[in-house]
């Protein structure tokens, strides 16, 4: 049986993991299917991709990246914007 489609809020909460290919295959496919039909989320993912492309070339130390990622994720969790 096919699970019900996920909504925009769930897609946005998983956007960065989706773009980083860090979602389980089934969840990745659910997000991809949603993006195929939702213009608003598709625009959001394109913005996020553009953001990632622009910061990819900024030279930083790997430890700084890891620390920043954890601070951002902690802030998102505190505001309940990230799934636990």
PDB file of N, CA and C in Angstrom:
ATOM      1  N   UNK A   1       0.834  -1.179   0.000  1.00  0.00           N
ATOM      2  CA  UNK A   1       0.000   0.000   0.000  1.00  0.00           C
ATOM      3  C   UNK A   1       0.884   1.250   0.000  1.00  0.00           C
ATOM      4  N   UNK A   2       0.562   2.199  -0.823  1.00  0.00           N
ATOM      5  CA  UNK A   2       1.327   3.435  -0.933  1.00  0.00           C
ATOM      6  C   UNK A   2       0.978   4.377   0.211  1.00  0.00           C
ATOM      7  N   UNK A   3       1.998   4.926   0.903  1.00  0.00           N
ATOM      8  CA  UNK A   3       1.701   5.860   1.991  1.00  0.00           C
ATOM      9  C   UNK A   3       1.124   7.150   1.421  1.00  0.00           C
ATOM     10  N   UNK A   4       0.360   7.887   2.235  1.00  0.00           N
ATOM     11  CA  UNK A   4      -0.192   9.157   1.748  1.00  0.00           C
ATOM     12  C   UNK A   4       0.939  10.133   1.446  1.00  0.00           C
ATOM     13  N   UNK A   5       0.720  11.043   0.513  1.00  0.00           N
ATOM     14  CA  UNK A   5       1.768  12.023   0.190  1.00  0.00           C
ATOM     15  C   UNK A   5       2.085  12.898   1.401  1.00  0.00           C
ATOM     16  N   UNK A   6       3.317  13.336   1.480  1.00  0.00           N
ATOM     17  CA  UNK A   6       3.707  14.218   2.577  1.00  0.00           C
ATOM     18  C   UNK A   6       3.324  15.652   2.211  1.00  0.00           C
ATOM     19  N   UNK A   7       3.166  16.494   3.231  1.00  0.00           N
ATOM     20  CA  UNK A   7       2.749  17.874   2.992  1.00  0.00           C
ATOM     21  C   UNK A   7       3.958  18.813   2.943  1.00  0.00           C
ATOM     22  N   UNK A   8       3.680  20.060   2.627  1.00  0.00           N
ATOM     23  CA  UNK A   8       4.745  21.060   2.453  1.00  0.00           C
ATOM     24  C   UNK A   8       5.591  21.237   3.716  1.00  0.00           C
ATOM     25  N   UNK A   9       4.959  21.249   4.865  1.00  0.00           N
ATOM     26  CA  UNK A   9       5.697  21.444   6.117  1.00  0.00           C
ATOM     27  C   UNK A   9       6.737  20.344   6.315  1.00  0.00           C
ATOM     28  N   UNK A  10       6.349  19.096   6.049  1.00  0.00           N
ATOM     29  CA  UNK A  10       7.292  17.995   6.185  1.00  0.00           C
ATOM     30  C   UNK A  10       8.417  18.084   5.146  1.00  0.00           C
ATOM     31  N   UNK A  11       8.094  18.544   3.965  1.00  0.00           N
ATOM     32  CA  UNK A  11       9.121  18.700   2.931  1.00  0.00           C
ATOM     33  C   UNK A  11      10.129  19.762   3.355  1.00  0.00           C
ATOM     34  N   UNK A  12       9.638  20.904   3.819  1.00  0.00           N
ATOM     35  CA  UNK A  12      10.541  21.986   4.233  1.00  0.00           C
ATOM     36  C   UNK A  12      11.417  21.538   5.395  1.00  0.00           C
ATOM     37  N   UNK A  13      10.856  20.787   6.333  1.00  0.00           N
ATOM     38  CA  UNK A  13      11.644  20.309   7.476  1.00  0.00           C
ATOM     39  C   UNK A  13      12.763  19.357   7.053  1.00  0.00           C
ATOM     40  N   UNK A  14      12.597  18.715   5.916  1.00  0.00           N
ATOM     41  CA  UNK A  14      13.583  17.732   5.461  1.00  0.00           C
ATOM     42  C   UNK A  14      14.416  18.223   4.286  1.00  0.00           C
ATOM     43  N   UNK A  15      14.251  19.486   3.911  1.00  0.00           N
ATOM     44  CA  UNK A  15      14.872  20.013   2.697  1.00  0.00           C
ATOM     45  C   UNK A  15      16.389  19.834   2.663  1.00  0.00           C
ATOM     46  N   UNK A  16      17.069  20.202   3.738  1.00  0.00           N
ATOM     47  CA  UNK A  16      18.535  20.142   3.710  1.00  0.00           C
ATOM     48  C   UNK A  16      19.028  18.703   3.663  1.00  0.00           C
ATOM     49  N   UNK A  17      18.377  17.822   4.405  1.00  0.00           N
ATOM     50  CA  UNK A  17      18.760  16.407   4.344  1.00  0.00           C
ATOM     51  C   UNK A  17      18.483  15.845   2.953  1.00  0.00           C
ATOM     52  N   UNK A  18      17.409  16.284   2.328  1.00  0.00           N
ATOM     53  CA  UNK A  18      17.096  15.864   0.958  1.00  0.00           C
ATOM     54  C   UNK A  18      18.207  16.312   0.010  1.00  0.00           C
ATOM     55  N   UNK A  19      18.576  17.575   0.105  1.00  0.00           N
ATOM     56  CA  UNK A  19      19.613  18.102  -0.787  1.00  0.00           C
ATOM     57  C   UNK A  19      20.976  17.491  -0.521  1.00  0.00           C
ATOM     58  N   UNK A  20      21.224  17.085   0.715  1.00  0.00           N
ATOM     59  CA  UNK A  20      22.502  16.446   1.066  1.00  0.00           C
ATOM     60  C   UNK A  20      22.461  14.934   0.859  1.00  0.00           C
ATOM     61  N   UNK A  21      21.360  14.417   0.312  1.00  0.00           N
ATOM     62  CA  UNK A  21      21.183  12.972   0.108  1.00  0.00           C
ATOM     63  C   UNK A  21      21.371  12.193   1.408  1.00  0.00           C
ATOM     64  N   UNK A  22      20.810  12.728   2.495  1.00  0.00           N
ATOM     65  CA  UNK A  22      20.926  12.088   3.795  1.00  0.00           C
ATOM     66  C   UNK A  22      19.603  11.481   4.273  1.00  0.00           C
ATOM     67  N   UNK A  23      18.615  11.404   3.400  1.00  0.00           N
ATOM     68  CA  UNK A  23      17.335  10.792   3.753  1.00  0.00           C
ATOM     69  C   UNK A  23      17.333   9.322   3.347  1.00  0.00           C
ATOM     70  N   UNK A  24      16.592   8.501   4.079  1.00  0.00           N
ATOM     71  CA  UNK A  24      16.399   7.120   3.611  1.00  0.00           C
ATOM     72  C   UNK A  24      15.739   7.153   2.226  1.00  0.00           C
ATOM     73  N   UNK A  25      15.985   6.136   1.432  1.00  0.00           N
ATOM     74  CA  UNK A  25      15.505   6.112   0.044  1.00  0.00           C
ATOM     75  C   UNK A  25      14.006   6.357  -0.068  1.00  0.00           C
ATOM     76  N   UNK A  26      13.218   5.719   0.789  1.00  0.00           N
ATOM     77  CA  UNK A  26      11.763   5.883   0.719  1.00  0.00           C
ATOM     78  C   UNK A  26      11.355   7.328   1.003  1.00  0.00           C
ATOM     79  N   UNK A  27      11.969   7.936   2.031  1.00  0.00           N
ATOM     80  CA  UNK A  27      11.635   9.324   2.375  1.00  0.00           C
ATOM     81  C   UNK A  27      12.104  10.268   1.270  1.00  0.00           C
ATOM     82  N   UNK A  28      13.282  10.004   0.713  1.00  0.00           N
ATOM     83  CA  UNK A  28      13.798  10.837  -0.380  1.00  0.00           C
ATOM     84  C   UNK A  28      12.812  10.826  -1.542  1.00  0.00           C
ATOM     85  N   UNK A  29      12.288   9.650  -1.853  1.00  0.00           N
ATOM     86  CA  UNK A  29      11.331   9.519  -2.957  1.00  0.00           C
ATOM     87  C   UNK A  29      10.027  10.254  -2.650  1.00  0.00           C
ATOM     88  N   UNK A  30       9.581  10.231  -1.402  1.00  0.00           N
ATOM     89  CA  UNK A  30       8.369  10.969  -1.020  1.00  0.00           C
ATOM     90  C   UNK A  30       8.564  12.473  -1.224  1.00  0.00           C
ATOM     91  N   UNK A  31       9.725  12.979  -0.820  1.00  0.00           N
ATOM     92  CA  UNK A  31      10.019  14.403  -1.011  1.00  0.00           C
ATOM     93  C   UNK A  31      10.092  14.722  -2.499  1.00  0.00           C
ATOM     94  N   UNK A  32      10.778  13.867  -3.269  1.00  0.00           N
ATOM     95  CA  UNK A  32      10.895  14.086  -4.706  1.00  0.00           C
ATOM     96  C   UNK A  32       9.522  14.110  -5.368  1.00  0.00           C
ATOM     97  N   UNK A  33       8.648  13.190  -4.979  1.00  0.00           N
ATOM     98  CA  UNK A  33       7.298  13.140  -5.541  1.00  0.00           C
ATOM     99  C   UNK A  33       6.519  14.413  -5.205  1.00  0.00           C
ATOM    100  N   UNK A  34       6.678  14.909  -3.988  1.00  0.00           N
ATOM    101  CA  UNK A  34       5.999  16.145  -3.599  1.00  0.00           C
ATOM    102  C   UNK A  34       6.514  17.319  -4.445  1.00  0.00           C
ATOM    103  N   UNK A  35       7.822  17.377  -4.610  1.00  0.00           N
ATOM    104  CA  UNK A  35       8.410  18.477  -5.389  1.00  0.00           C
ATOM    105  C   UNK A  35       7.953  18.453  -6.844  1.00  0.00           C
ATOM    106  N   UNK A  36       7.630  17.281  -7.350  1.00  0.00           N
ATOM    107  CA  UNK A  36       7.170  17.159  -8.734  1.00  0.00           C
ATOM    108  C   UNK A  36       5.809  17.817  -8.939  1.00  0.00           C
ATOM    109  N   UNK A  37       5.053  17.996  -7.852  1.00  0.00           N
ATOM    110  CA  UNK A  37       3.700  18.542  -7.991  1.00  0.00           C
ATOM    111  C   UNK A  37       3.483  19.872  -7.288  1.00  0.00           C
ATOM    112  N   UNK A  38       4.419  20.316  -6.469  1.00  0.00           N
ATOM    113  CA  UNK A  38       4.223  21.533  -5.665  1.00  0.00           C
ATOM    114  C   UNK A  38       5.165  22.646  -6.108  1.00  0.00           C
ATOM    115  N   UNK A  39       4.610  23.650  -6.746  1.00  0.00           N
ATOM    116  CA  UNK A  39       5.414  24.765  -7.250  1.00  0.00           C
ATOM    117  C   UNK A  39       6.118  25.522  -6.130  1.00  0.00           C
ATOM    118  N   UNK A  40       5.415  25.768  -5.030  1.00  0.00           N
ATOM    119  CA  UNK A  40       6.004  26.517  -3.918  1.00  0.00           C
ATOM    120  C   UNK A  40       7.218  25.823  -3.331  1.00  0.00           C
ATOM    121  N   UNK A  41       7.101  24.535  -3.093  1.00  0.00           N
ATOM    122  CA  UNK A  41       8.226  23.785  -2.540  1.00  0.00           C
ATOM    123  C   UNK A  41       9.344  23.650  -3.561  1.00  0.00           C
ATOM    124  N   UNK A  42       8.983  23.513  -4.822  1.00  0.00           N
ATOM    125  CA  UNK A  42       9.997  23.408  -5.872  1.00  0.00           C
ATOM    126  C   UNK A  42      10.821  24.705  -5.932  1.00  0.00           C
ATOM    127  N   UNK A  43      10.148  25.857  -5.801  1.00  0.00           N
ATOM    128  CA  UNK A  43      10.870  27.139  -5.770  1.00  0.00           C
ATOM    129  C   UNK A  43      11.774  27.211  -4.548  1.00  0.00           C
ATOM    130  N   UNK A  44      11.292  26.706  -3.419  1.00  0.00           N
ATOM    131  CA  UNK A  44      12.090  26.704  -2.190  1.00  0.00           C
ATOM    132  C   UNK A  44      13.340  25.835  -2.352  1.00  0.00           C
ATOM    133  N   UNK A  45      13.185  24.649  -2.932  1.00  0.00           N
ATOM    134  CA  UNK A  45      14.336  23.766  -3.112  1.00  0.00           C
ATOM    135  C   UNK A  45      15.337  24.381  -4.091  1.00  0.00           C
ATOM    136  N   UNK A  46      14.858  25.066  -5.103  1.00  0.00           N
ATOM    137  CA  UNK A  46      15.778  25.724  -6.041  1.00  0.00           C
ATOM    138  C   UNK A  46      16.554  26.838  -5.347  1.00  0.00           C
ATOM    139  N   UNK A  47      15.896  27.582  -4.459  1.00  0.00           N
ATOM    140  CA  UNK A  47      16.595  28.600  -3.682  1.00  0.00           C
ATOM    141  C   UNK A  47      17.676  27.949  -2.822  1.00  0.00           C
ATOM    142  N   UNK A  48      17.305  26.859  -2.144  1.00  0.00           N
ATOM    143  CA  UNK A  48      18.265  26.157  -1.277  1.00  0.00           C
ATOM    144  C   UNK A  48      19.441  25.616  -2.084  1.00  0.00           C
ATOM    145  N   UNK A  49      19.168  25.054  -3.253  1.00  0.00           N
ATOM    146  CA  UNK A  49      20.258  24.557  -4.115  1.00  0.00           C
ATOM    147  C   UNK A  49      21.187  25.699  -4.520  1.00  0.00           C
ATOM    148  N   UNK A  50      20.598  26.828  -4.894  1.00  0.00           N
ATOM    149  CA  UNK A  50      21.400  27.988  -5.281  1.00  0.00           C
ATOM    150  C   UNK A  50      22.271  28.454  -4.113  1.00  0.00           C
ATOM    151  N   UNK A  51      21.684  28.480  -2.928  1.00  0.00           N
ATOM    152  CA  UNK A  51      22.426  28.859  -1.731  1.00  0.00           C
ATOM    153  C   UNK A  51      23.617  27.935  -1.519  1.00  0.00           C
ATOM    154  N   UNK A  52      23.371  26.623  -1.616  1.00  0.00           N
ATOM    155  CA  UNK A  52      24.452  25.648  -1.431  1.00  0.00           C
ATOM    156  C   UNK A  52      25.547  25.816  -2.476  1.00  0.00           C
ATOM    157  N   UNK A  53      25.166  26.063  -3.722  1.00  0.00           N
ATOM    158  CA  UNK A  53      26.159  26.253  -4.774  1.00  0.00           C
ATOM    159  C   UNK A  53      27.025  27.470  -4.506  1.00  0.00           C
ATOM    160  N   UNK A  54      26.418  28.534  -4.011  1.00  0.00           N
ATOM    161  CA  UNK A  54      27.180  29.760  -3.747  1.00  0.00           C
ATOM    162  C   UNK A  54      28.127  29.628  -2.567  1.00  0.00           C
ATOM    163  N   UNK A  55      27.737  28.878  -1.552  1.00  0.00           N
ATOM    164  CA  UNK A  55      28.630  28.757  -0.394  1.00  0.00           C
ATOM    165  C   UNK A  55      29.635  27.627  -0.545  1.00  0.00           C
ATOM    166  N   UNK A  56      29.439  26.774  -1.527  1.00  0.00           N
ATOM    167  CA  UNK A  56      30.342  25.628  -1.718  1.00  0.00           C
ATOM    168  C   UNK A  56      31.789  26.070  -1.938  1.00  0.00           C
ATOM    169  N   UNK A  57      31.991  27.193  -2.573  1.00  0.00           N
ATOM    170  CA  UNK A  57      33.337  27.639  -2.907  1.00  0.00           C
ATOM    171  C   UNK A  57      33.983  28.502  -1.831  1.00  0.00           C
ATOM    172  N   UNK A  58      33.268  28.752  -0.737  1.00  0.00           N
ATOM    173  CA  UNK A  58      33.828  29.565   0.338  1.00  0.00           C
ATOM    174  C   UNK A  58      34.800  28.697   1.137  1.00  0.00           C
ATOM    175  N   UNK A  59      36.067  29.134   1.243  1.00  0.00           N
ATOM    176  CA  UNK A  59      37.042  28.305   1.966  1.00  0.00           C
ATOM    177  C   UNK A  59      36.809  28.375   3.482  1.00  0.00           C
ATOM    178  N   UNK A  60      36.574  27.224   4.094  1.00  0.00           N
ATOM    179  CA  UNK A  60      36.429  27.134   5.545  1.00  0.00           C
ATOM    180  C   UNK A  60      37.025  25.822   6.007  1.00  0.00           C
ATOM    181  N   UNK A  61      37.380  25.781   7.256  1.00  0.00           N
ATOM    182  CA  UNK A  61      37.909  24.563   7.849  1.00  0.00           C
ATOM    183  C   UNK A  61      36.762  23.588   8.114  1.00  0.00           C
ATOM    184  N   UNK A  62      37.016  22.302   7.958  1.00  0.00           N
ATOM    185  CA  UNK A  62      35.991  21.272   8.165  1.00  0.00           C
ATOM    186  C   UNK A  62      35.421  21.335   9.581  1.00  0.00           C
ATOM    187  N   UNK A  63      36.252  21.592  10.581  1.00  0.00           N
ATOM    188  CA  UNK A  63      35.760  21.674  11.949  1.00  0.00           C
ATOM    189  C   UNK A  63      34.787  22.829  12.122  1.00  0.00           C
ATOM    190  N   UNK A  64      35.048  23.946  11.442  1.00  0.00           N
ATOM    191  CA  UNK A  64      34.137  25.084  11.516  1.00  0.00           C
ATOM    192  C   UNK A  64      32.786  24.718  10.916  1.00  0.00           C
ATOM    193  N   UNK A  65      32.782  23.989   9.821  1.00  0.00           N
ATOM    194  CA  UNK A  65      31.544  23.577   9.165  1.00  0.00           C
ATOM    195  C   UNK A  65      30.732  22.673  10.088  1.00  0.00           C
ATOM    196  N   UNK A  66      31.380  21.705  10.692  1.00  0.00           N
ATOM    197  CA  UNK A  66      30.685  20.780  11.587  1.00  0.00           C
ATOM    198  C   UNK A  66      30.093  21.521  12.790  1.00  0.00           C
ATOM    199  N   UNK A  67      30.854  22.433  13.356  1.00  0.00           N
ATOM    200  CA  UNK A  67      30.370  23.196  14.512  1.00  0.00           C
ATOM    201  C   UNK A  67      29.189  24.073  14.108  1.00  0.00           C
ATOM    202  N   UNK A  68      29.281  24.714  12.959  1.00  0.00           N
ATOM    203  CA  UNK A  68      28.185  25.553  12.488  1.00  0.00           C
ATOM    204  C   UNK A  68      26.940  24.710  12.224  1.00  0.00           C
ATOM    205  N   UNK A  69      27.110  23.567  11.584  1.00  0.00           N
ATOM    206  CA  UNK A  69      25.972  22.683  11.300  1.00  0.00           C
ATOM    207  C   UNK A  69      25.259  22.300  12.596  1.00  0.00           C
ATOM    208  N   UNK A  70      26.024  21.949  13.631  1.00  0.00           N
ATOM    209  CA  UNK A  70      25.415  21.562  14.894  1.00  0.00           C
ATOM    210  C   UNK A  70      24.712  22.735  15.570  1.00  0.00           C
ATOM    211  N   UNK A  71      25.291  23.936  15.482  1.00  0.00           N
ATOM    212  CA  UNK A  71      24.618  25.105  16.063  1.00  0.00           C
ATOM    213  C   UNK A  71      23.308  25.391  15.350  1.00  0.00           C
ATOM    214  N   UNK A  72      23.321  25.300  14.026  1.00  0.00           N
ATOM    215  CA  UNK A  72      22.102  25.551  13.247  1.00  0.00           C
ATOM    216  C   UNK A  72      21.051  24.493  13.562  1.00  0.00           C
ATOM    217  N   UNK A  73      21.448  23.227  13.563  1.00  0.00           N
ATOM    218  CA  UNK A  73      20.489  22.160  13.867  1.00  0.00           C
ATOM    219  C   UNK A  73      19.936  22.299  15.284  1.00  0.00           C
ATOM    220  N   UNK A  74      20.791  22.681  16.228  1.00  0.00           N
ATOM    221  CA  UNK A  74      20.320  22.899  17.600  1.00  0.00           C
ATOM    222  C   UNK A  74      19.303  24.022  17.664  1.00  0.00           C
ATOM    223  N   UNK A  75      19.566  25.100  16.941  1.00  0.00           N
ATOM    224  CA  UNK A  75      18.618  26.216  16.906  1.00  0.00           C
ATOM    225  C   UNK A  75      17.308  25.803  16.245  1.00  0.00           C
ATOM    226  N   UNK A  76      17.391  25.020  15.183  1.00  0.00           N
ATOM    227  CA  UNK A  76      16.179  24.546  14.510  1.00  0.00           C
ATOM    228  C   UNK A  76      15.364  23.627  15.421  1.00  0.00           C
ATOM    229  N   UNK A  77      16.056  22.736  16.116  1.00  0.00           N
ATOM    230  CA  UNK A  77      15.357  21.849  17.048  1.00  0.00           C
ATOM    231  C   UNK A  77      14.688  22.659  18.153  1.00  0.00           C
ATOM    232  N   UNK A  78      15.388  23.659  18.670  1.00  0.00           N
ATOM    233  CA  UNK A  78      14.834  24.487  19.738  1.00  0.00           C
ATOM    234  C   UNK A  78      13.571  25.205  19.274  1.00  0.00           C
ATOM    235  N   UNK A  79      13.527  25.554  18.020  1.00  0.00           N
ATOM    236  CA  UNK A  79      12.356  26.233  17.457  1.00  0.00           C
ATOM    237  C   UNK A  79      11.374  25.244  16.827  1.00  0.00           C
ATOM    238  N   UNK A  80      11.670  23.960  16.944  1.00  0.00           N
ATOM    239  CA  UNK A  80      10.845  22.873  16.436  1.00  0.00           C
ATOM    240  C   UNK A  80      10.669  22.944  14.918  1.00  0.00           C
ATOM    241  N   UNK A  81      11.719  23.350  14.213  1.00  0.00           N
ATOM    242  CA  UNK A  81      11.710  23.383  12.761  1.00  0.00           C
ATOM    243  C   UNK A  81      12.357  22.157  12.147  1.00  0.00           C
ATOM    244  N   UNK A  82      12.987  21.336  12.944  1.00  0.00           N
ATOM    245  CA  UNK A  82      13.663  20.163  12.428  1.00  0.00           C
ATOM    246  C   UNK A  82      13.053  18.927  13.067  1.00  0.00           C
ATOM    247  N   UNK A  83      12.837  17.893  12.237  1.00  0.00           N
ATOM    248  CA  UNK A  83      12.325  16.656  12.783  1.00  0.00           C
ATOM    249  C   UNK A  83      13.359  16.039  13.694  1.00  0.00           C
ATOM    250  N   UNK A  84      12.892  15.367  14.701  1.00  0.00           N
ATOM    251  CA  UNK A  84      13.811  14.744  15.666  1.00  0.00           C
ATOM    252  C   UNK A  84      14.004  13.314  15.365  1.00  0.00           C
TER     253      UNK A  84
END
